[in-house]
């Protein structure tokens, strides 16, 4: 996302590393665990119903599967896929 010059400034200012560091710091206090999914896992491009992968533009906000015709908000679809990510793509922080 940093390579995209339109997003680079916004992404750099959000300090994702600091957010991750805070989650890891707080996990012991709240008795939770932080799981990190591989950064190249295509969570927003995989259909949550049939697991087919399709290309999407960044401006597409609705995921429409061409195989099973499933339609869902792109972020909701990605969250379902992240929850069900394969174990070889997930590591504990």
N, C-alpha and C. Protein backbone atom coordinates (compact mmCIF):
# COMPACT_ATOMS: atom_id res chain seq x y z
N UNK A 1 0.82 -1.19 0.00
CA UNK A 1 0.00 0.00 0.00
C UNK A 1 0.87 1.26 0.00
N UNK A 2 2.09 1.14 0.50
CA UNK A 2 2.99 2.29 0.49
C UNK A 2 3.40 2.63 -0.93
N UNK A 3 3.44 1.62 -1.83
CA UNK A 3 3.85 1.87 -3.21
C UNK A 3 2.84 2.74 -3.95
N UNK A 4 1.61 2.72 -3.53
CA UNK A 4 0.59 3.56 -4.14
C UNK A 4 0.76 4.98 -3.61
N UNK A 5 1.20 5.90 -4.49
CA UNK A 5 1.53 7.25 -4.03
C UNK A 5 0.33 8.00 -3.45
N UNK A 6 -0.88 7.60 -3.82
CA UNK A 6 -2.07 8.26 -3.27
C UNK A 6 -2.34 7.84 -1.82
N UNK A 7 -1.91 6.63 -1.47
CA UNK A 7 -2.15 6.12 -0.13
C UNK A 7 -0.93 6.22 0.79
N UNK A 8 0.24 6.41 0.23
CA UNK A 8 1.48 6.32 1.00
C UNK A 8 1.52 7.25 2.20
N UNK A 9 1.12 8.48 2.02
CA UNK A 9 1.17 9.45 3.12
C UNK A 9 0.21 9.06 4.24
N UNK A 10 -1.01 8.66 3.88
CA UNK A 10 -2.00 8.29 4.90
C UNK A 10 -1.57 7.04 5.65
N UNK A 11 -1.03 6.06 4.94
CA UNK A 11 -0.60 4.81 5.58
C UNK A 11 0.58 5.07 6.50
N UNK A 12 1.53 5.85 6.04
CA UNK A 12 2.72 6.13 6.84
C UNK A 12 2.37 6.88 8.12
N UNK A 13 1.39 7.75 8.05
CA UNK A 13 1.00 8.53 9.23
C UNK A 13 0.20 7.71 10.24
N UNK A 14 -0.39 6.62 9.84
CA UNK A 14 -1.21 5.83 10.76
C UNK A 14 -0.40 4.96 11.70
N UNK A 15 0.85 4.78 11.44
CA UNK A 15 1.75 4.04 12.34
C UNK A 15 1.20 2.66 12.70
N UNK A 16 1.03 1.81 11.70
CA UNK A 16 0.51 0.47 11.94
C UNK A 16 1.39 -0.31 12.93
N UNK A 17 2.69 -0.08 12.89
CA UNK A 17 3.56 -0.78 13.82
C UNK A 17 3.23 -0.43 15.25
N UNK A 18 2.91 0.82 15.53
CA UNK A 18 2.57 1.24 16.90
C UNK A 18 1.28 0.58 17.35
N UNK A 19 0.32 0.46 16.48
CA UNK A 19 -0.94 -0.20 16.82
C UNK A 19 -0.67 -1.67 17.15
N UNK A 20 0.12 -2.33 16.31
CA UNK A 20 0.48 -3.73 16.56
C UNK A 20 1.22 -3.87 17.89
N UNK A 21 2.15 -2.98 18.16
CA UNK A 21 2.92 -3.03 19.41
C UNK A 21 2.00 -2.90 20.62
N UNK A 22 1.01 -2.02 20.55
CA UNK A 22 0.06 -1.84 21.65
C UNK A 22 -0.79 -3.10 21.86
N UNK A 23 -1.23 -3.72 20.78
CA UNK A 23 -1.99 -4.96 20.90
C UNK A 23 -1.17 -6.04 21.61
N UNK A 24 0.08 -6.19 21.21
CA UNK A 24 0.95 -7.20 21.81
C UNK A 24 1.20 -6.88 23.28
N UNK A 25 1.39 -5.62 23.59
CA UNK A 25 1.62 -5.18 24.96
C UNK A 25 0.41 -5.48 25.85
N UNK A 26 -0.78 -5.27 25.33
CA UNK A 26 -2.01 -5.42 26.11
C UNK A 26 -2.52 -6.86 26.20
N UNK A 27 -2.02 -7.77 25.35
CA UNK A 27 -2.57 -9.11 25.33
C UNK A 27 -2.41 -9.85 26.66
N UNK A 28 -1.32 -9.65 27.36
CA UNK A 28 -1.12 -10.31 28.64
C UNK A 28 -2.08 -9.76 29.69
N UNK A 29 -2.32 -8.49 29.66
CA UNK A 29 -3.21 -7.86 30.63
C UNK A 29 -4.66 -8.35 30.49
N UNK A 30 -5.11 -8.53 29.27
CA UNK A 30 -6.49 -8.93 29.03
C UNK A 30 -6.65 -10.43 28.83
N UNK A 31 -5.56 -11.18 28.84
CA UNK A 31 -5.63 -12.64 28.68
C UNK A 31 -6.07 -13.08 27.30
N UNK A 32 -5.68 -12.33 26.30
CA UNK A 32 -6.03 -12.67 24.93
C UNK A 32 -4.77 -13.07 24.16
N UNK A 33 -4.93 -13.35 22.89
CA UNK A 33 -3.77 -13.63 22.04
C UNK A 33 -3.91 -12.82 20.76
N UNK A 34 -2.78 -12.37 20.25
CA UNK A 34 -2.74 -11.61 19.00
C UNK A 34 -2.23 -12.55 17.92
N UNK A 35 -3.02 -12.70 16.88
CA UNK A 35 -2.64 -13.52 15.73
C UNK A 35 -2.37 -12.61 14.55
N UNK A 36 -1.28 -12.86 13.86
CA UNK A 36 -0.89 -12.04 12.72
C UNK A 36 -0.97 -12.90 11.47
N UNK A 37 -1.74 -12.42 10.50
CA UNK A 37 -1.91 -13.13 9.23
C UNK A 37 -0.88 -12.60 8.25
N UNK A 38 -0.35 -13.49 7.43
CA UNK A 38 0.62 -13.13 6.40
C UNK A 38 0.16 -11.91 5.62
N UNK A 39 1.02 -10.95 5.43
CA UNK A 39 0.63 -9.69 4.80
C UNK A 39 0.19 -9.83 3.35
N UNK A 40 0.56 -10.92 2.69
CA UNK A 40 0.18 -11.12 1.29
C UNK A 40 -1.03 -12.04 1.14
N UNK A 41 -1.65 -12.43 2.24
CA UNK A 41 -2.85 -13.26 2.17
C UNK A 41 -3.98 -12.43 1.56
N UNK A 42 -4.60 -12.88 0.46
CA UNK A 42 -5.59 -12.05 -0.25
C UNK A 42 -6.97 -12.10 0.38
N UNK A 43 -7.11 -11.65 1.60
CA UNK A 43 -8.36 -11.79 2.34
C UNK A 43 -9.54 -11.06 1.71
N UNK A 44 -9.31 -9.94 1.07
CA UNK A 44 -10.43 -9.20 0.49
C UNK A 44 -10.77 -9.67 -0.93
N UNK A 45 -9.95 -10.56 -1.50
CA UNK A 45 -10.20 -11.04 -2.86
C UNK A 45 -10.72 -12.47 -2.89
N UNK A 46 -10.85 -13.11 -1.73
CA UNK A 46 -11.34 -14.50 -1.66
C UNK A 46 -12.82 -14.48 -1.30
N UNK A 47 -13.60 -15.29 -1.99
CA UNK A 47 -15.02 -15.39 -1.65
C UNK A 47 -15.16 -16.15 -0.34
N UNK A 48 -15.92 -15.61 0.59
CA UNK A 48 -16.12 -16.24 1.90
C UNK A 48 -16.98 -17.50 1.80
N UNK A 49 -17.70 -17.67 0.71
CA UNK A 49 -18.58 -18.83 0.54
C UNK A 49 -17.90 -19.97 -0.22
N UNK A 50 -17.31 -19.66 -1.39
CA UNK A 50 -16.78 -20.73 -2.24
C UNK A 50 -15.26 -20.72 -2.36
N UNK A 51 -14.59 -19.76 -1.74
CA UNK A 51 -13.12 -19.65 -1.71
C UNK A 51 -12.47 -19.39 -3.06
N UNK A 52 -13.23 -18.91 -4.03
CA UNK A 52 -12.60 -18.55 -5.30
C UNK A 52 -11.94 -17.18 -5.16
N UNK A 53 -10.86 -16.98 -5.89
CA UNK A 53 -10.12 -15.72 -5.83
C UNK A 53 -10.38 -14.94 -7.11
N UNK A 54 -10.62 -13.65 -6.95
CA UNK A 54 -10.84 -12.80 -8.12
C UNK A 54 -10.13 -11.47 -7.94
N UNK A 55 -9.85 -10.82 -9.05
CA UNK A 55 -9.21 -9.51 -9.01
C UNK A 55 -10.24 -8.45 -8.65
N UNK A 56 -9.79 -7.46 -7.88
CA UNK A 56 -10.65 -6.35 -7.49
C UNK A 56 -9.84 -5.06 -7.53
N UNK A 57 -10.51 -3.98 -7.86
CA UNK A 57 -9.87 -2.67 -7.77
C UNK A 57 -10.04 -2.17 -6.33
N UNK A 58 -9.18 -1.27 -5.92
CA UNK A 58 -9.26 -0.71 -4.57
C UNK A 58 -10.55 0.08 -4.37
N UNK A 59 -11.11 0.59 -5.44
CA UNK A 59 -12.35 1.38 -5.34
C UNK A 59 -13.60 0.51 -5.20
N UNK A 60 -13.48 -0.79 -5.48
CA UNK A 60 -14.64 -1.68 -5.32
C UNK A 60 -14.93 -1.89 -3.85
N UNK A 61 -16.11 -1.50 -3.39
CA UNK A 61 -16.46 -1.63 -1.98
C UNK A 61 -17.37 -2.82 -1.70
N UNK A 62 -17.96 -3.40 -2.74
CA UNK A 62 -18.81 -4.57 -2.60
C UNK A 62 -18.13 -5.74 -3.30
N UNK A 63 -17.98 -6.86 -2.58
CA UNK A 63 -17.41 -8.07 -3.17
C UNK A 63 -18.54 -8.83 -3.86
N UNK A 64 -18.40 -9.05 -5.16
CA UNK A 64 -19.37 -9.81 -5.94
C UNK A 64 -18.65 -10.99 -6.56
N UNK A 65 -18.94 -12.20 -6.06
CA UNK A 65 -18.28 -13.40 -6.57
C UNK A 65 -18.86 -13.75 -7.94
N UNK A 66 -17.97 -14.01 -8.87
CA UNK A 66 -18.39 -14.37 -10.22
C UNK A 66 -18.74 -15.85 -10.33
N UNK A 67 -18.31 -16.65 -9.36
CA UNK A 67 -18.55 -18.09 -9.40
C UNK A 67 -19.89 -18.45 -8.75
N UNK A 68 -20.07 -18.06 -7.48
CA UNK A 68 -21.29 -18.45 -6.75
C UNK A 68 -22.29 -17.30 -6.59
N UNK A 69 -21.97 -16.12 -7.13
CA UNK A 69 -22.85 -14.95 -7.10
C UNK A 69 -23.07 -14.38 -5.69
N UNK A 70 -22.20 -14.73 -4.76
CA UNK A 70 -22.26 -14.19 -3.39
C UNK A 70 -21.91 -12.70 -3.42
N UNK A 71 -22.66 -11.88 -2.69
CA UNK A 71 -22.41 -10.45 -2.62
C UNK A 71 -22.33 -10.03 -1.16
N UNK A 72 -21.27 -9.26 -0.82
CA UNK A 72 -21.06 -8.85 0.56
C UNK A 72 -20.14 -7.63 0.57
N UNK A 73 -20.26 -6.82 1.61
CA UNK A 73 -19.35 -5.69 1.78
C UNK A 73 -17.91 -6.21 1.78
N UNK A 74 -17.01 -5.50 1.12
CA UNK A 74 -15.64 -5.96 0.98
C UNK A 74 -14.95 -6.17 2.33
N UNK A 75 -15.16 -5.25 3.28
CA UNK A 75 -14.52 -5.36 4.58
C UNK A 75 -15.09 -6.53 5.40
N UNK A 76 -16.39 -6.74 5.33
CA UNK A 76 -17.00 -7.87 6.03
C UNK A 76 -16.50 -9.19 5.45
N UNK A 77 -16.40 -9.24 4.13
CA UNK A 77 -15.89 -10.44 3.47
C UNK A 77 -14.45 -10.72 3.91
N UNK A 78 -13.63 -9.68 3.97
CA UNK A 78 -12.24 -9.83 4.40
C UNK A 78 -12.15 -10.29 5.85
N UNK A 79 -13.03 -9.78 6.71
CA UNK A 79 -12.98 -10.18 8.11
C UNK A 79 -13.34 -11.65 8.30
N UNK A 80 -14.29 -12.14 7.52
CA UNK A 80 -14.64 -13.56 7.57
C UNK A 80 -13.45 -14.40 7.10
N UNK A 81 -12.81 -13.96 6.03
CA UNK A 81 -11.66 -14.69 5.51
C UNK A 81 -10.47 -14.67 6.47
N UNK A 82 -10.28 -13.55 7.16
CA UNK A 82 -9.19 -13.49 8.14
C UNK A 82 -9.46 -14.40 9.33
N UNK A 83 -10.72 -14.48 9.73
CA UNK A 83 -11.08 -15.37 10.83
C UNK A 83 -10.84 -16.83 10.46
N UNK A 84 -11.06 -17.16 9.20
CA UNK A 84 -10.92 -18.54 8.73
C UNK A 84 -9.63 -18.76 7.95
N UNK A 85 -8.63 -17.92 8.16
CA UNK A 85 -7.36 -18.03 7.42
C UNK A 85 -6.69 -19.37 7.72
N UNK A 86 -6.03 -19.96 6.72
CA UNK A 86 -5.33 -21.22 6.94
C UNK A 86 -4.23 -21.07 7.99
N UNK A 87 -4.03 -22.12 8.76
CA UNK A 87 -3.07 -22.06 9.88
C UNK A 87 -1.64 -21.77 9.41
N UNK A 88 -1.31 -22.13 8.17
CA UNK A 88 0.05 -21.86 7.69
C UNK A 88 0.25 -20.38 7.33
N UNK A 89 -0.82 -19.59 7.34
CA UNK A 89 -0.74 -18.15 7.07
C UNK A 89 -0.84 -17.32 8.34
N UNK A 90 -1.04 -17.97 9.50
CA UNK A 90 -1.25 -17.28 10.77
C UNK A 90 -0.12 -17.62 11.73
N UNK A 91 0.36 -16.59 12.44
CA UNK A 91 1.35 -16.82 13.49
C UNK A 91 0.97 -16.01 14.72
N UNK A 92 1.40 -16.48 15.87
CA UNK A 92 1.15 -15.73 17.11
C UNK A 92 2.17 -14.62 17.25
N UNK A 93 1.74 -13.50 17.78
CA UNK A 93 2.65 -12.36 17.96
C UNK A 93 3.51 -12.56 19.18
